[in-house]
Structures are given as structure tokens and as C-alpha cells.
Amino acid sequence: MYLLAIICPPLAVLFSGKPGQAIVNVLLWILGVVPGVVHAIFVVNEKKANDRMMKQAQLMSMMSNRQ
């Protein structure tokens, strides 16, 4: 996903499930490639962090239900 954020930032943001942020990213990408790439990397990183946190919360919930 990070490679896509460098090659085509708006598409990476859209695939991260953030259509509103994708519109912002298109505008940033039009203004300059670097701001669009940086924004896309931040959005992708946030999505991955949220996914990790949700997985960890599910595991903790399963462990607490066992006891």
C-alpha cells in the first residue's frame, strides 16, 4: 500500500477507505506531488495502525472471555 501511496497517492487513500481524504489528496497532488505523497503515506499509516489496534482489541476480548 505504501508503494501505491508513492506512485498514485489518491488511489492509495481511496483504497484505505477514506473517500473524503481522497478528494483532499487529489487537490494536494494537483498543487504538488510531494504534499500528496506525504498525505497519502500518513493516511495509509493511520489505516494500518487502526487495523492493528482493532486486531489487538479483538484478541484481548477473546482472552478475557476465556477466563
PDB file of N, CA and C in Angstrom:
ATOM      1  N   MET A   1       0.829  -1.190   0.000  1.00  0.00           N
ATOM      2  CA  MET A   1       0.000   0.000   0.000  1.00  0.00           C
ATOM      3  C   MET A   1       0.879   1.262   0.000  1.00  0.00           C
ATOM      4  N   TYR A   2       2.042   1.171   0.665  1.00  0.00           N
ATOM      5  CA  TYR A   2       2.931   2.332   0.691  1.00  0.00           C
ATOM      6  C   TYR A   2       3.469   2.636  -0.703  1.00  0.00           C
ATOM      7  N   LEU A   3       3.743   1.600  -1.492  1.00  0.00           N
ATOM      8  CA  LEU A   3       4.224   1.806  -2.857  1.00  0.00           C
ATOM      9  C   LEU A   3       3.156   2.510  -3.688  1.00  0.00           C
ATOM     10  N   LEU A   4       1.920   2.119  -3.509  1.00  0.00           N
ATOM     11  CA  LEU A   4       0.822   2.781  -4.210  1.00  0.00           C
ATOM     12  C   LEU A   4       0.694   4.235  -3.755  1.00  0.00           C
ATOM     13  N   ALA A   5       0.983   4.501  -2.486  1.00  0.00           N
ATOM     14  CA  ALA A   5       0.933   5.876  -1.974  1.00  0.00           C
ATOM     15  C   ALA A   5       1.980   6.755  -2.643  1.00  0.00           C
ATOM     16  N   ILE A   6       3.076   6.161  -3.072  1.00  0.00           N
ATOM     17  CA  ILE A   6       4.123   6.927  -3.752  1.00  0.00           C
ATOM     18  C   ILE A   6       3.802   7.075  -5.238  1.00  0.00           C
ATOM     19  N   ILE A   7       3.281   6.012  -5.842  1.00  0.00           N
ATOM     20  CA  ILE A   7       3.016   6.031  -7.280  1.00  0.00           C
ATOM     21  C   ILE A   7       1.746   6.822  -7.614  1.00  0.00           C
ATOM     22  N   CYS A   8       0.668   6.536  -6.897  1.00  0.00           N
ATOM     23  CA  CYS A   8      -0.616   7.211  -7.146  1.00  0.00           C
ATOM     24  C   CYS A   8      -1.306   7.481  -5.804  1.00  0.00           C
ATOM     25  N   PRO A   9      -0.939   8.568  -5.145  1.00  0.00           N
ATOM     26  CA  PRO A   9      -1.445   8.844  -3.798  1.00  0.00           C
ATOM     27  C   PRO A   9      -2.967   8.844  -3.644  1.00  0.00           C
ATOM     28  N   PRO A  10      -3.733   9.480  -4.536  1.00  0.00           N
ATOM     29  CA  PRO A  10      -5.188   9.473  -4.322  1.00  0.00           C
ATOM     30  C   PRO A  10      -5.792   8.071  -4.323  1.00  0.00           C
ATOM     31  N   LEU A  11      -5.247   7.192  -5.136  1.00  0.00           N
ATOM     32  CA  LEU A  11      -5.757   5.828  -5.198  1.00  0.00           C
ATOM     33  C   LEU A  11      -5.464   5.073  -3.902  1.00  0.00           C
ATOM     34  N   ALA A  12      -4.284   5.281  -3.340  1.00  0.00           N
ATOM     35  CA  ALA A  12      -3.931   4.633  -2.073  1.00  0.00           C
ATOM     36  C   ALA A  12      -4.853   5.108  -0.953  1.00  0.00           C
ATOM     37  N   VAL A  13      -5.150   6.393  -0.939  1.00  0.00           N
ATOM     38  CA  VAL A  13      -6.043   6.941   0.090  1.00  0.00           C
ATOM     39  C   VAL A  13      -7.458   6.390  -0.098  1.00  0.00           C
ATOM     40  N   LEU A  14      -7.897   6.284  -1.335  1.00  0.00           N
ATOM     41  CA  LEU A  14      -9.222   5.734  -1.614  1.00  0.00           C
ATOM     42  C   LEU A  14      -9.302   4.270  -1.196  1.00  0.00           C
ATOM     43  N   PHE A  15      -8.261   3.493  -1.470  1.00  0.00           N
ATOM     44  CA  PHE A  15      -8.240   2.084  -1.067  1.00  0.00           C
ATOM     45  C   PHE A  15      -8.154   1.928   0.445  1.00  0.00           C
ATOM     46  N   SER A  16      -7.743   2.979   1.143  1.00  0.00           N
ATOM     47  CA  SER A  16      -7.709   2.938   2.604  1.00  0.00           C
ATOM     48  C   SER A  16      -9.090   3.161   3.208  1.00  0.00           C
ATOM     49  N   GLY A  17     -10.067   3.408   2.354  1.00  0.00           N
ATOM     50  CA  GLY A  17     -11.436   3.576   2.838  1.00  0.00           C
ATOM     51  C   GLY A  17     -11.754   4.984   3.289  1.00  0.00           C
ATOM     52  N   LYS A  18     -11.071   5.958   2.729  1.00  0.00           N
ATOM     53  CA  LYS A  18     -11.287   7.351   3.114  1.00  0.00           C
ATOM     54  C   LYS A  18     -11.600   8.190   1.867  1.00  0.00           C
ATOM     55  N   PRO A  19     -12.833   8.148   1.362  1.00  0.00           N
ATOM     56  CA  PRO A  19     -13.138   8.892   0.133  1.00  0.00           C
ATOM     57  C   PRO A  19     -13.014  10.413   0.282  1.00  0.00           C
ATOM     58  N   GLY A  20     -13.362  10.945   1.433  1.00  0.00           N
ATOM     59  CA  GLY A  20     -13.211  12.382   1.656  1.00  0.00           C
ATOM     60  C   GLY A  20     -11.756  12.807   1.649  1.00  0.00           C
ATOM     61  N   GLN A  21     -10.928  12.004   2.296  1.00  0.00           N
ATOM     62  CA  GLN A  21      -9.495  12.285   2.304  1.00  0.00           C
ATOM     63  C   GLN A  21      -8.905  12.125   0.903  1.00  0.00           C
ATOM     64  N   ALA A  22      -9.492  11.243   0.084  1.00  0.00           N
ATOM     65  CA  ALA A  22      -9.010  11.062  -1.285  1.00  0.00           C
ATOM     66  C   ALA A  22      -9.215  12.335  -2.100  1.00  0.00           C
ATOM     67  N   ILE A  23     -10.332  13.013  -1.878  1.00  0.00           N
ATOM     68  CA  ILE A  23     -10.587  14.279  -2.580  1.00  0.00           C
ATOM     69  C   ILE A  23      -9.563  15.322  -2.155  1.00  0.00           C
ATOM     70  N   VAL A  24      -9.302  15.396  -0.855  1.00  0.00           N
ATOM     71  CA  VAL A  24      -8.275  16.316  -0.353  1.00  0.00           C
ATOM     72  C   VAL A  24      -6.927  15.963  -0.961  1.00  0.00           C
ATOM     73  N   ASN A  25      -6.650  14.665  -1.069  1.00  0.00           N
ATOM     74  CA  ASN A  25      -5.374  14.232  -1.610  1.00  0.00           C
ATOM     75  C   ASN A  25      -5.238  14.586  -3.084  1.00  0.00           C
ATOM     76  N   VAL A  26      -6.322  14.505  -3.835  1.00  0.00           N
ATOM     77  CA  VAL A  26      -6.276  14.909  -5.248  1.00  0.00           C
ATOM     78  C   VAL A  26      -5.888  16.376  -5.351  1.00  0.00           C
ATOM     79  N   LEU A  27      -6.487  17.209  -4.502  1.00  0.00           N
ATOM     80  CA  LEU A  27      -6.145  18.635  -4.514  1.00  0.00           C
ATOM     81  C   LEU A  27      -4.686  18.858  -4.134  1.00  0.00           C
ATOM     82  N   LEU A  28      -4.218  18.142  -3.120  1.00  0.00           N
ATOM     83  CA  LEU A  28      -2.815  18.264  -2.731  1.00  0.00           C
ATOM     84  C   LEU A  28      -1.891  17.786  -3.839  1.00  0.00           C
ATOM     85  N   TRP A  29      -2.286  16.722  -4.512  1.00  0.00           N
ATOM     86  CA  TRP A  29      -1.472  16.156  -5.588  1.00  0.00           C
ATOM     87  C   TRP A  29      -1.394  17.122  -6.767  1.00  0.00           C
ATOM     88  N   ILE A  30      -2.504  17.842  -7.033  1.00  0.00           N
ATOM     89  CA  ILE A  30      -2.505  18.840  -8.106  1.00  0.00           C
ATOM     90  C   ILE A  30      -1.590  20.003  -7.740  1.00  0.00           C
ATOM     91  N   LEU A  31      -1.620  20.409  -6.476  1.00  0.00           N
ATOM     92  CA  LEU A  31      -0.764  21.512  -6.030  1.00  0.00           C
ATOM     93  C   LEU A  31       0.707  21.136  -6.036  1.00  0.00           C
ATOM     94  N   GLY A  32       0.998  19.886  -5.799  1.00  0.00           N
ATOM     95  CA  GLY A  32       2.379  19.411  -5.793  1.00  0.00           C
ATOM     96  C   GLY A  32       2.402  17.935  -5.470  1.00  0.00           C
ATOM     97  N   VAL A  33       3.271  17.231  -6.132  1.00  0.00           N
ATOM     98  CA  VAL A  33       3.328  15.782  -5.949  1.00  0.00           C
ATOM     99  C   VAL A  33       3.752  15.424  -4.525  1.00  0.00           C
ATOM    100  N   VAL A  34       4.723  16.121  -3.989  1.00  0.00           N
ATOM    101  CA  VAL A  34       5.260  15.782  -2.664  1.00  0.00           C
ATOM    102  C   VAL A  34       4.200  15.911  -1.566  1.00  0.00           C
ATOM    103  N   PRO A  35       3.437  16.999  -1.498  1.00  0.00           N
ATOM    104  CA  PRO A  35       2.398  17.057  -0.450  1.00  0.00           C
ATOM    105  C   PRO A  35       1.370  15.940  -0.572  1.00  0.00           C
ATOM    106  N   GLY A  36       1.025  15.572  -1.793  1.00  0.00           N
ATOM    107  CA  GLY A  36       0.080  14.481  -1.993  1.00  0.00           C
ATOM    108  C   GLY A  36       0.624  13.152  -1.513  1.00  0.00           C
ATOM    109  N   VAL A  37       1.905  12.903  -1.791  1.00  0.00           N
ATOM    110  CA  VAL A  37       2.538  11.650  -1.364  1.00  0.00           C
ATOM    111  C   VAL A  37       2.639  11.597   0.154  1.00  0.00           C
ATOM    112  N   VAL A  38       3.058  12.688   0.764  1.00  0.00           N
ATOM    113  CA  VAL A  38       3.197  12.722   2.227  1.00  0.00           C
ATOM    114  C   VAL A  38       1.840  12.497   2.890  1.00  0.00           C
ATOM    115  N   HIS A  39       0.819  13.161   2.403  1.00  0.00           N
ATOM    116  CA  HIS A  39      -0.527  12.989   2.959  1.00  0.00           C
ATOM    117  C   HIS A  39      -0.990  11.544   2.808  1.00  0.00           C
ATOM    118  N   ALA A  40      -0.753  10.959   1.645  1.00  0.00           N
ATOM    119  CA  ALA A  40      -1.173   9.573   1.408  1.00  0.00           C
ATOM    120  C   ALA A  40      -0.457   8.611   2.345  1.00  0.00           C
ATOM    121  N   ILE A  41       0.827   8.830   2.561  1.00  0.00           N
ATOM    122  CA  ILE A  41       1.585   7.956   3.467  1.00  0.00           C
ATOM    123  C   ILE A  41       1.024   8.054   4.884  1.00  0.00           C
ATOM    124  N   PHE A  42       0.686   9.263   5.320  1.00  0.00           N
ATOM    125  CA  PHE A  42       0.097   9.425   6.653  1.00  0.00           C
ATOM    126  C   PHE A  42      -1.255   8.711   6.757  1.00  0.00           C
ATOM    127  N   VAL A  43      -2.082   8.818   5.728  1.00  0.00           N
ATOM    128  CA  VAL A  43      -3.403   8.177   5.757  1.00  0.00           C
ATOM    129  C   VAL A  43      -3.260   6.657   5.768  1.00  0.00           C
ATOM    130  N   VAL A  44      -2.371   6.128   4.924  1.00  0.00           N
ATOM    131  CA  VAL A  44      -2.157   4.676   4.879  1.00  0.00           C
ATOM    132  C   VAL A  44      -1.614   4.182   6.213  1.00  0.00           C
ATOM    133  N   ASN A  45      -0.680   4.933   6.797  1.00  0.00           N
ATOM    134  CA  ASN A  45      -0.109   4.548   8.086  1.00  0.00           C
ATOM    135  C   ASN A  45      -1.182   4.549   9.177  1.00  0.00           C
ATOM    136  N   GLU A  46      -2.056   5.544   9.161  1.00  0.00           N
ATOM    137  CA  GLU A  46      -3.143   5.611  10.147  1.00  0.00           C
ATOM    138  C   GLU A  46      -4.089   4.417   9.989  1.00  0.00           C
ATOM    139  N   LYS A  47      -4.402   4.049   8.755  1.00  0.00           N
ATOM    140  CA  LYS A  47      -5.279   2.901   8.498  1.00  0.00           C
ATOM    141  C   LYS A  47      -4.653   1.619   9.019  1.00  0.00           C
ATOM    142  N   LYS A  48      -3.357   1.430   8.765  1.00  0.00           N
ATOM    143  CA  LYS A  48      -2.672   0.225   9.241  1.00  0.00           C
ATOM    144  C   LYS A  48      -2.623   0.198  10.768  1.00  0.00           C
ATOM    145  N   ALA A  49      -2.403   1.354  11.397  1.00  0.00           N
ATOM    146  CA  ALA A  49      -2.372   1.420  12.858  1.00  0.00           C
ATOM    147  C   ALA A  49      -3.749   1.093  13.440  1.00  0.00           C
ATOM    148  N   ASN A  50      -4.807   1.605  12.812  1.00  0.00           N
ATOM    149  CA  ASN A  50      -6.169   1.298  13.281  1.00  0.00           C
ATOM    150  C   ASN A  50      -6.479  -0.184  13.145  1.00  0.00           C
ATOM    151  N   ASP A  51      -6.041  -0.780  12.034  1.00  0.00           N
ATOM    152  CA  ASP A  51      -6.265  -2.218  11.845  1.00  0.00           C
ATOM    153  C   ASP A  51      -5.539  -3.034  12.904  1.00  0.00           C
ATOM    154  N   ARG A  52      -4.291  -2.645  13.213  1.00  0.00           N
ATOM    155  CA  ARG A  52      -3.530  -3.352  14.246  1.00  0.00           C
ATOM    156  C   ARG A  52      -4.209  -3.224  15.601  1.00  0.00           C
ATOM    157  N   MET A  53      -4.701  -2.026  15.914  1.00  0.00           N
ATOM    158  CA  MET A  53      -5.351  -1.798  17.199  1.00  0.00           C
ATOM    159  C   MET A  53      -6.640  -2.618  17.317  1.00  0.00           C
ATOM    160  N   MET A  54      -7.416  -2.674  16.239  1.00  0.00           N
ATOM    161  CA  MET A  54      -8.653  -3.460  16.263  1.00  0.00           C
ATOM    162  C   MET A  54      -8.356  -4.944  16.438  1.00  0.00           C
ATOM    163  N   LYS A  55      -7.329  -5.435  15.778  1.00  0.00           N
ATOM    164  CA  LYS A  55      -6.957  -6.842  15.915  1.00  0.00           C
ATOM    165  C   LYS A  55      -6.515  -7.141  17.343  1.00  0.00           C
ATOM    166  N   GLN A  56      -5.738  -6.235  17.912  1.00  0.00           N
ATOM    167  CA  GLN A  56      -5.273  -6.416  19.281  1.00  0.00           C
ATOM    168  C   GLN A  56      -6.451  -6.380  20.263  1.00  0.00           C
ATOM    169  N   ALA A  57      -7.402  -5.486  20.037  1.00  0.00           N
ATOM    170  CA  ALA A  57      -8.576  -5.404  20.911  1.00  0.00           C
ATOM    171  C   ALA A  57      -9.415  -6.678  20.829  1.00  0.00           C
ATOM    172  N   GLN A  58      -9.544  -7.226  19.624  1.00  0.00           N
ATOM    173  CA  GLN A  58     -10.291  -8.478  19.472  1.00  0.00           C
ATOM    174  C   GLN A  58      -9.601  -9.619  20.198  1.00  0.00           C
ATOM    175  N   LEU A  59      -8.280  -9.687  20.085  1.00  0.00           N
ATOM    176  CA  LEU A  59      -7.537 -10.741  20.778  1.00  0.00           C
ATOM    177  C   LEU A  59      -7.670 -10.608  22.292  1.00  0.00           C
ATOM    178  N   MET A  60      -7.602  -9.374  22.787  1.00  0.00           N
ATOM    179  CA  MET A  60      -7.745  -9.154  24.223  1.00  0.00           C
ATOM    180  C   MET A  60      -9.148  -9.540  24.683  1.00  0.00           C
ATOM    181  N   SER A  61     -10.147  -9.238  23.872  1.00  0.00           N
ATOM    182  CA  SER A  61     -11.523  -9.594  24.210  1.00  0.00           C
ATOM    183  C   SER A  61     -11.696 -11.111  24.249  1.00  0.00           C
ATOM    184  N   MET A  62     -11.101 -11.797  23.289  1.00  0.00           N
ATOM    185  CA  MET A  62     -11.186 -13.260  23.272  1.00  0.00           C
ATOM    186  C   MET A  62     -10.494 -13.859  24.487  1.00  0.00           C
ATOM    187  N   MET A  63      -9.366 -13.297  24.868  1.00  0.00           N
ATOM    188  CA  MET A  63      -8.629 -13.815  26.023  1.00  0.00           C
ATOM    189  C   MET A  63      -9.401 -13.567  27.317  1.00  0.00           C
ATOM    190  N   SER A  64     -10.063 -12.422  27.432  1.00  0.00           N
ATOM    191  CA  SER A  64     -10.813 -12.141  28.658  1.00  0.00           C
ATOM    192  C   SER A  64     -12.075 -13.004  28.740  1.00  0.00           C
ATOM    193  N   ASN A  65     -12.628 -13.387  27.602  1.00  0.00           N
ATOM    194  CA  ASN A  65     -13.813 -14.256  27.603  1.00  0.00           C
ATOM    195  C   ASN A  65     -13.459 -15.683  27.987  1.00  0.00           C
ATOM    196  N   ARG A  66     -12.230 -16.081  27.780  1.00  0.00           N
ATOM    197  CA  ARG A  66     -11.789 -17.432  28.128  1.00  0.00           C
ATOM    198  C   ARG A  66     -11.722 -17.633  29.637  1.00  0.00           C
ATOM    199  N   GLN A  67     -11.388 -16.592  30.340  1.00  0.00           N
ATOM    200  CA  GLN A  67     -11.143 -16.736  31.779  1.00  0.00           C
ATOM    201  C   GLN A  67     -12.392 -16.642  32.587  1.00  0.00           C
TER     202      GLN A  67
END
